[in-house]
Amino acid sequence: MWAAAPHPNGSRRPDLIAQGILQAIGEVSIEVPVVVRLEGTNAAAGLELIAQSGLSVETASDLTEAADKVVAAAGATSS
């Protein structure tokens, strides 16, 4: 499970973070759910990239929602 957070001064671009996450998922076998929260400049573009990727990636609008999704996903995958 991953979460992406902005740099304190907002200098990281969420669209580039989304591209990196999608590239990593494509290159590495990920066996756990992925939950991503993006915020800042170009966050909407990053979320759109994730939505159009066809990959099983959950997005969240804030850290509380991200934590809830991680907990739900962990419960669904544990046996």
PDB file of N, CA and C in Angstrom:
ATOM      1  N   MET A   1       0.839  -1.170   0.000  1.00  0.00           N
ATOM      2  CA  MET A   1       0.000   0.000   0.000  1.00  0.00           C
ATOM      3  C   MET A   1       0.881   1.229   0.000  1.00  0.00           C
ATOM      4  N   TRP A   2       0.539   2.196  -0.809  1.00  0.00           N
ATOM      5  CA  TRP A   2       1.328   3.415  -0.929  1.00  0.00           C
ATOM      6  C   TRP A   2       0.429   4.614  -0.707  1.00  0.00           C
ATOM      7  N   ALA A   3       1.025   5.665  -0.253  1.00  0.00           N
ATOM      8  CA  ALA A   3       0.329   6.948  -0.193  1.00  0.00           C
ATOM      9  C   ALA A   3       1.310   8.018  -0.644  1.00  0.00           C
ATOM     10  N   ALA A   4       0.850   8.921  -1.444  1.00  0.00           N
ATOM     11  CA  ALA A   4       1.703  10.011  -1.912  1.00  0.00           C
ATOM     12  C   ALA A   4       1.225  11.300  -1.271  1.00  0.00           C
ATOM     13  N   ALA A   5       2.117  12.000  -0.647  1.00  0.00           N
ATOM     14  CA  ALA A   5       1.771  13.264  -0.005  1.00  0.00           C
ATOM     15  C   ALA A   5       2.612  14.372  -0.617  1.00  0.00           C
ATOM     16  N   PRO A   6       2.092  15.588  -0.623  1.00  0.00           N
ATOM     17  CA  PRO A   6       2.852  16.697  -1.203  1.00  0.00           C
ATOM     18  C   PRO A   6       4.026  17.105  -0.328  1.00  0.00           C
ATOM     19  N   HIS A   7       5.004  17.695  -0.957  1.00  0.00           N
ATOM     20  CA  HIS A   7       6.129  18.303  -0.239  1.00  0.00           C
ATOM     21  C   HIS A   7       5.576  19.505   0.520  1.00  0.00           C
ATOM     22  N   PRO A   8       6.099  19.820   1.707  1.00  0.00           N
ATOM     23  CA  PRO A   8       5.555  20.934   2.494  1.00  0.00           C
ATOM     24  C   PRO A   8       5.437  22.256   1.738  1.00  0.00           C
ATOM     25  N   ASN A   9       6.350  22.529   0.807  1.00  0.00           N
ATOM     26  CA  ASN A   9       6.240  23.796   0.081  1.00  0.00           C
ATOM     27  C   ASN A   9       5.514  23.631  -1.253  1.00  0.00           C
ATOM     28  N   GLY A  10       4.942  22.444  -1.488  1.00  0.00           N
ATOM     29  CA  GLY A  10       4.141  22.226  -2.681  1.00  0.00           C
ATOM     30  C   GLY A  10       4.928  22.068  -3.959  1.00  0.00           C
ATOM     31  N   SER A  11       6.227  21.806  -3.878  1.00  0.00           N
ATOM     32  CA  SER A  11       7.045  21.780  -5.079  1.00  0.00           C
ATOM     33  C   SER A  11       6.945  20.467  -5.855  1.00  0.00           C
ATOM     34  N   ARG A  12       6.421  19.417  -5.254  1.00  0.00           N
ATOM     35  CA  ARG A  12       6.262  18.162  -5.984  1.00  0.00           C
ATOM     36  C   ARG A  12       4.992  18.213  -6.805  1.00  0.00           C
ATOM     37  N   ARG A  13       5.063  17.661  -7.985  1.00  0.00           N
ATOM     38  CA  ARG A  13       3.903  17.680  -8.872  1.00  0.00           C
ATOM     39  C   ARG A  13       3.196  16.340  -8.807  1.00  0.00           C
ATOM     40  N   PRO A  14       1.953  16.319  -8.325  1.00  0.00           N
ATOM     41  CA  PRO A  14       1.211  15.073  -8.182  1.00  0.00           C
ATOM     42  C   PRO A  14       1.033  14.304  -9.495  1.00  0.00           C
ATOM     43  N   ASP A  15       0.990  15.004 -10.627  1.00  0.00           N
ATOM     44  CA  ASP A  15       0.857  14.284 -11.896  1.00  0.00           C
ATOM     45  C   ASP A  15       2.109  13.450 -12.165  1.00  0.00           C
ATOM     46  N   LEU A  16       3.286  13.966 -11.808  1.00  0.00           N
ATOM     47  CA  LEU A  16       4.522  13.202 -11.974  1.00  0.00           C
ATOM     48  C   LEU A  16       4.607  12.066 -10.957  1.00  0.00           C
ATOM     49  N   ILE A  17       4.121  12.305  -9.742  1.00  0.00           N
ATOM     50  CA  ILE A  17       4.068  11.253  -8.731  1.00  0.00           C
ATOM     51  C   ILE A  17       3.159  10.125  -9.218  1.00  0.00           C
ATOM     52  N   ALA A  18       1.997  10.473  -9.782  1.00  0.00           N
ATOM     53  CA  ALA A  18       1.073   9.459 -10.305  1.00  0.00           C
ATOM     54  C   ALA A  18       1.733   8.655 -11.419  1.00  0.00           C
ATOM     55  N   GLN A  19       2.442   9.332 -12.320  1.00  0.00           N
ATOM     56  CA  GLN A  19       3.139   8.621 -13.393  1.00  0.00           C
ATOM     57  C   GLN A  19       4.152   7.633 -12.818  1.00  0.00           C
ATOM     58  N   GLY A  20       4.883   8.047 -11.803  1.00  0.00           N
ATOM     59  CA  GLY A  20       5.871   7.185 -11.173  1.00  0.00           C
ATOM     60  C   GLY A  20       5.233   5.983 -10.498  1.00  0.00           C
ATOM     61  N   ILE A  21       4.126   6.198  -9.817  1.00  0.00           N
ATOM     62  CA  ILE A  21       3.414   5.093  -9.165  1.00  0.00           C
ATOM     63  C   ILE A  21       2.928   4.100 -10.202  1.00  0.00           C
ATOM     64  N   LEU A  22       2.319   4.602 -11.272  1.00  0.00           N
ATOM     65  CA  LEU A  22       1.812   3.713 -12.322  1.00  0.00           C
ATOM     66  C   LEU A  22       2.946   2.952 -12.998  1.00  0.00           C
ATOM     67  N   GLN A  23       4.064   3.605 -13.230  1.00  0.00           N
ATOM     68  CA  GLN A  23       5.214   2.943 -13.831  1.00  0.00           C
ATOM     69  C   GLN A  23       5.731   1.843 -12.906  1.00  0.00           C
ATOM     70  N   ALA A  24       5.832   2.144 -11.620  1.00  0.00           N
ATOM     71  CA  ALA A  24       6.318   1.153 -10.657  1.00  0.00           C
ATOM     72  C   ALA A  24       5.387  -0.052 -10.590  1.00  0.00           C
ATOM     73  N   ILE A  25       4.091   0.186 -10.591  1.00  0.00           N
ATOM     74  CA  ILE A  25       3.130  -0.916 -10.560  1.00  0.00           C
ATOM     75  C   ILE A  25       3.279  -1.780 -11.803  1.00  0.00           C
ATOM     76  N   GLY A  26       3.550  -1.144 -12.933  1.00  0.00           N
ATOM     77  CA  GLY A  26       3.738  -1.887 -14.170  1.00  0.00           C
ATOM     78  C   GLY A  26       5.012  -2.715 -14.202  1.00  0.00           C
ATOM     79  N   GLU A  27       6.023  -2.307 -13.443  1.00  0.00           N
ATOM     80  CA  GLU A  27       7.317  -2.979 -13.469  1.00  0.00           C
ATOM     81  C   GLU A  27       7.512  -3.994 -12.349  1.00  0.00           C
ATOM     82  N   VAL A  28       6.760  -3.867 -11.286  1.00  0.00           N
ATOM     83  CA  VAL A  28       6.939  -4.711 -10.110  1.00  0.00           C
ATOM     84  C   VAL A  28       5.626  -5.428  -9.809  1.00  0.00           C
ATOM     85  N   SER A  29       5.725  -6.668  -9.428  1.00  0.00           N
ATOM     86  CA  SER A  29       4.530  -7.410  -9.045  1.00  0.00           C
ATOM     87  C   SER A  29       4.061  -6.925  -7.675  1.00  0.00           C
ATOM     88  N   ILE A  30       2.939  -6.242  -7.654  1.00  0.00           N
ATOM     89  CA  ILE A  30       2.386  -5.706  -6.416  1.00  0.00           C
ATOM     90  C   ILE A  30       1.272  -6.645  -5.960  1.00  0.00           C
ATOM     91  N   GLU A  31       1.423  -7.192  -4.772  1.00  0.00           N
ATOM     92  CA  GLU A  31       0.456  -8.158  -4.242  1.00  0.00           C
ATOM     93  C   GLU A  31      -0.500  -7.541  -3.230  1.00  0.00           C
ATOM     94  N   VAL A  32      -0.342  -6.262  -2.951  1.00  0.00           N
ATOM     95  CA  VAL A  32      -1.181  -5.597  -1.957  1.00  0.00           C
ATOM     96  C   VAL A  32      -1.970  -4.481  -2.625  1.00  0.00           C
ATOM     97  N   PRO A  33      -3.080  -4.086  -2.018  1.00  0.00           N
ATOM     98  CA  PRO A  33      -3.846  -2.965  -2.569  1.00  0.00           C
ATOM     99  C   PRO A  33      -3.027  -1.674  -2.539  1.00  0.00           C
ATOM    100  N   VAL A  34      -3.267  -0.817  -3.515  1.00  0.00           N
ATOM    101  CA  VAL A  34      -2.571   0.465  -3.588  1.00  0.00           C
ATOM    102  C   VAL A  34      -3.603   1.572  -3.405  1.00  0.00           C
ATOM    103  N   VAL A  35      -3.351   2.447  -2.436  1.00  0.00           N
ATOM    104  CA  VAL A  35      -4.213   3.600  -2.171  1.00  0.00           C
ATOM    105  C   VAL A  35      -3.347   4.847  -2.306  1.00  0.00           C
ATOM    106  N   VAL A  36      -3.805   5.784  -3.126  1.00  0.00           N
ATOM    107  CA  VAL A  36      -3.028   6.990  -3.411  1.00  0.00           C
ATOM    108  C   VAL A  36      -3.856   8.221  -3.066  1.00  0.00           C
ATOM    109  N   ARG A  37      -3.205   9.158  -2.397  1.00  0.00           N
ATOM    110  CA  ARG A  37      -3.807  10.466  -2.128  1.00  0.00           C
ATOM    111  C   ARG A  37      -2.873  11.502  -2.740  1.00  0.00           C
ATOM    112  N   LEU A  38      -3.401  12.313  -3.616  1.00  0.00           N
ATOM    113  CA  LEU A  38      -2.615  13.356  -4.271  1.00  0.00           C
ATOM    114  C   LEU A  38      -3.191  14.717  -3.917  1.00  0.00           C
ATOM    115  N   GLU A  39      -2.307  15.675  -3.743  1.00  0.00           N
ATOM    116  CA  GLU A  39      -2.746  17.035  -3.441  1.00  0.00           C
ATOM    117  C   GLU A  39      -1.731  18.007  -4.013  1.00  0.00           C
ATOM    118  N   GLY A  40      -2.199  19.131  -4.506  1.00  0.00           N
ATOM    119  CA  GLY A  40      -1.298  20.173  -4.989  1.00  0.00           C
ATOM    120  C   GLY A  40      -1.494  20.457  -6.463  1.00  0.00           C
ATOM    121  N   THR A  41      -0.527  21.166  -7.026  1.00  0.00           N
ATOM    122  CA  THR A  41      -0.569  21.537  -8.433  1.00  0.00           C
ATOM    123  C   THR A  41      -0.664  20.289  -9.293  1.00  0.00           C
ATOM    124  N   ASN A  42      -1.606  20.279 -10.209  1.00  0.00           N
ATOM    125  CA  ASN A  42      -1.820  19.177 -11.141  1.00  0.00           C
ATOM    126  C   ASN A  42      -2.308  17.891 -10.482  1.00  0.00           C
ATOM    127  N   ALA A  43      -2.881  17.974  -9.274  1.00  0.00           N
ATOM    128  CA  ALA A  43      -3.427  16.779  -8.630  1.00  0.00           C
ATOM    129  C   ALA A  43      -4.546  16.181  -9.482  1.00  0.00           C
ATOM    130  N   ALA A  44      -5.386  17.019 -10.060  1.00  0.00           N
ATOM    131  CA  ALA A  44      -6.487  16.512 -10.894  1.00  0.00           C
ATOM    132  C   ALA A  44      -5.942  15.726 -12.085  1.00  0.00           C
ATOM    133  N   ALA A  45      -4.861  16.205 -12.682  1.00  0.00           N
ATOM    134  CA  ALA A  45      -4.251  15.498 -13.811  1.00  0.00           C
ATOM    135  C   ALA A  45      -3.696  14.150 -13.353  1.00  0.00           C
ATOM    136  N   GLY A  46      -3.100  14.114 -12.177  1.00  0.00           N
ATOM    137  CA  GLY A  46      -2.579  12.860 -11.637  1.00  0.00           C
ATOM    138  C   GLY A  46      -3.688  11.864 -11.357  1.00  0.00           C
ATOM    139  N   LEU A  47      -4.778  12.335 -10.785  1.00  0.00           N
ATOM    140  CA  LEU A  47      -5.916  11.457 -10.505  1.00  0.00           C
ATOM    141  C   LEU A  47      -6.529  10.932 -11.795  1.00  0.00           C
ATOM    142  N   GLU A  48      -6.563  11.757 -12.816  1.00  0.00           N
ATOM    143  CA  GLU A  48      -7.079  11.334 -14.120  1.00  0.00           C
ATOM    144  C   GLU A  48      -6.191  10.246 -14.729  1.00  0.00           C
ATOM    145  N   LEU A  49      -4.884  10.401 -14.614  1.00  0.00           N
ATOM    146  CA  LEU A  49      -3.955   9.377 -15.107  1.00  0.00           C
ATOM    147  C   LEU A  49      -4.226   8.041 -14.429  1.00  0.00           C
ATOM    148  N   ILE A  50      -4.412   8.090 -13.111  1.00  0.00           N
ATOM    149  CA  ILE A  50      -4.686   6.863 -12.358  1.00  0.00           C
ATOM    150  C   ILE A  50      -6.016   6.259 -12.788  1.00  0.00           C
ATOM    151  N   ALA A  51      -7.040   7.095 -12.916  1.00  0.00           N
ATOM    152  CA  ALA A  51      -8.364   6.602 -13.299  1.00  0.00           C
ATOM    153  C   ALA A  51      -8.348   5.948 -14.677  1.00  0.00           C
ATOM    154  N   GLN A  52      -7.577   6.499 -15.601  1.00  0.00           N
ATOM    155  CA  GLN A  52      -7.534   5.982 -16.967  1.00  0.00           C
ATOM    156  C   GLN A  52      -6.549   4.834 -17.150  1.00  0.00           C
ATOM    157  N   SER A  53      -5.774   4.522 -16.110  1.00  0.00           N
ATOM    158  CA  SER A  53      -4.728   3.505 -16.242  1.00  0.00           C
ATOM    159  C   SER A  53      -5.263   2.089 -16.382  1.00  0.00           C
ATOM    160  N   GLY A  54      -6.462   1.846 -15.869  1.00  0.00           N
ATOM    161  CA  GLY A  54      -7.001   0.496 -15.879  1.00  0.00           C
ATOM    162  C   GLY A  54      -6.417  -0.381 -14.783  1.00  0.00           C
ATOM    163  N   LEU A  55      -5.535   0.171 -13.965  1.00  0.00           N
ATOM    164  CA  LEU A  55      -4.937  -0.581 -12.861  1.00  0.00           C
ATOM    165  C   LEU A  55      -5.824  -0.482 -11.629  1.00  0.00           C
ATOM    166  N   SER A  56      -5.686  -1.442 -10.757  1.00  0.00           N
ATOM    167  CA  SER A  56      -6.478  -1.471  -9.530  1.00  0.00           C
ATOM    168  C   SER A  56      -5.812  -0.587  -8.480  1.00  0.00           C
ATOM    169  N   VAL A  57      -6.068   0.703  -8.593  1.00  0.00           N
ATOM    170  CA  VAL A  57      -5.509   1.690  -7.669  1.00  0.00           C
ATOM    171  C   VAL A  57      -6.654   2.502  -7.107  1.00  0.00           C
ATOM    172  N   GLU A  58      -6.758   2.536  -5.789  1.00  0.00           N
ATOM    173  CA  GLU A  58      -7.772   3.345  -5.114  1.00  0.00           C
ATOM    174  C   GLU A  58      -7.226   4.749  -4.916  1.00  0.00           C
ATOM    175  N   THR A  59      -8.066   5.747  -5.055  1.00  0.00           N
ATOM    176  CA  THR A  59      -7.652   7.119  -4.773  1.00  0.00           C
ATOM    177  C   THR A  59      -8.468   7.659  -3.608  1.00  0.00           C
ATOM    178  N   ALA A  60      -7.888   8.616  -2.904  1.00  0.00           N
ATOM    179  CA  ALA A  60      -8.552   9.233  -1.762  1.00  0.00           C
ATOM    180  C   ALA A  60      -8.323  10.736  -1.811  1.00  0.00           C
ATOM    181  N   SER A  61      -9.295  11.481  -1.304  1.00  0.00           N
ATOM    182  CA  SER A  61      -9.198  12.936  -1.350  1.00  0.00           C
ATOM    183  C   SER A  61      -8.481  13.521  -0.135  1.00  0.00           C
ATOM    184  N   ASP A  62      -8.384  12.744   0.953  1.00  0.00           N
ATOM    185  CA  ASP A  62      -7.657  13.215   2.125  1.00  0.00           C
ATOM    186  C   ASP A  62      -7.073  12.018   2.871  1.00  0.00           C
ATOM    187  N   LEU A  63      -6.264  12.295   3.873  1.00  0.00           N
ATOM    188  CA  LEU A  63      -5.584  11.212   4.580  1.00  0.00           C
ATOM    189  C   LEU A  63      -6.543  10.331   5.367  1.00  0.00           C
ATOM    190  N   THR A  64      -7.627  10.894   5.881  1.00  0.00           N
ATOM    191  CA  THR A  64      -8.613  10.085   6.597  1.00  0.00           C
ATOM    192  C   THR A  64      -9.257   9.083   5.663  1.00  0.00           C
ATOM    193  N   GLU A  65      -9.668   9.535   4.491  1.00  0.00           N
ATOM    194  CA  GLU A  65     -10.258   8.634   3.510  1.00  0.00           C
ATOM    195  C   GLU A  65      -9.239   7.583   3.062  1.00  0.00           C
ATOM    196  N   ALA A  66      -7.998   7.996   2.870  1.00  0.00           N
ATOM    197  CA  ALA A  66      -6.950   7.051   2.474  1.00  0.00           C
ATOM    198  C   ALA A  66      -6.761   5.982   3.545  1.00  0.00           C
ATOM    199  N   ALA A  67      -6.711   6.403   4.808  1.00  0.00           N
ATOM    200  CA  ALA A  67      -6.551   5.441   5.900  1.00  0.00           C
ATOM    201  C   ALA A  67      -7.730   4.482   5.954  1.00  0.00           C
ATOM    202  N   ASP A  68      -8.943   4.995   5.788  1.00  0.00           N
ATOM    203  CA  ASP A  68     -10.132   4.139   5.780  1.00  0.00           C
ATOM    204  C   ASP A  68     -10.059   3.112   4.673  1.00  0.00           C
ATOM    205  N   LYS A  69      -9.627   3.532   3.479  1.00  0.00           N
ATOM    206  CA  LYS A  69      -9.532   2.613   2.351  1.00  0.00           C
ATOM    207  C   LYS A  69      -8.446   1.567   2.559  1.00  0.00           C
ATOM    208  N   VAL A  70      -7.337   1.969   3.165  1.00  0.00           N
ATOM    209  CA  VAL A  70      -6.269   1.025   3.458  1.00  0.00           C
ATOM    210  C   VAL A  70      -6.751  -0.029   4.447  1.00  0.00           C
ATOM    211  N   VAL A  71      -7.425   0.409   5.505  1.00  0.00           N
ATOM    212  CA  VAL A  71      -7.944  -0.522   6.519  1.00  0.00           C
ATOM    213  C   VAL A  71      -8.948  -1.479   5.879  1.00  0.00           C
ATOM    214  N   ALA A  72      -9.853  -0.950   5.061  1.00  0.00           N
ATOM    215  CA  ALA A  72     -10.846  -1.803   4.386  1.00  0.00           C
ATOM    216  C   ALA A  72     -10.175  -2.796   3.458  1.00  0.00           C
ATOM    217  N   ALA A  73      -9.190  -2.339   2.705  1.00  0.00           N
ATOM    218  CA  ALA A  73      -8.495  -3.227   1.773  1.00  0.00           C
ATOM    219  C   ALA A  73      -7.708  -4.285   2.529  1.00  0.00           C
ATOM    220  N   ALA A  74      -7.082  -3.913   3.623  1.00  0.00           N
ATOM    221  CA  ALA A  74      -6.317  -4.878   4.418  1.00  0.00           C
ATOM    222  C   ALA A  74      -7.244  -5.943   4.991  1.00  0.00           C
ATOM    223  N   GLY A  75      -8.418  -5.536   5.422  1.00  0.00           N
ATOM    224  CA  GLY A  75      -9.388  -6.497   5.948  1.00  0.00           C
ATOM    225  C   GLY A  75      -9.909  -7.432   4.883  1.00  0.00           C
ATOM    226  N   ALA A  76     -10.029  -6.924   3.658  1.00  0.00           N
ATOM    227  CA  ALA A  76     -10.544  -7.736   2.551  1.00  0.00           C
ATOM    228  C   ALA A  76      -9.502  -8.728   2.057  1.00  0.00           C
ATOM    229  N   THR A  77      -8.221  -8.436   2.267  1.00  0.00           N
ATOM    230  CA  THR A  77      -7.173  -9.318   1.743  1.00  0.00           C
ATOM    231  C   THR A  77      -6.605 -10.251   2.800  1.00  0.00           C
ATOM    232  N   SER A  78      -6.908 -10.019   4.070  1.00  0.00           N
ATOM    233  CA  SER A  78      -6.373 -10.913   5.102  1.00  0.00           C
ATOM    234  C   SER A  78      -7.309 -12.087   5.318  1.00  0.00           C
ATOM    235  N   SER A  79      -6.722 -13.229   5.595  1.00  0.00           N
ATOM    236  CA  SER A  79      -7.535 -14.429   5.829  1.00  0.00           C
ATOM    237  C   SER A  79      -7.020 -15.169   7.031  1.00  0.00           C
TER     238      SER A  79
END
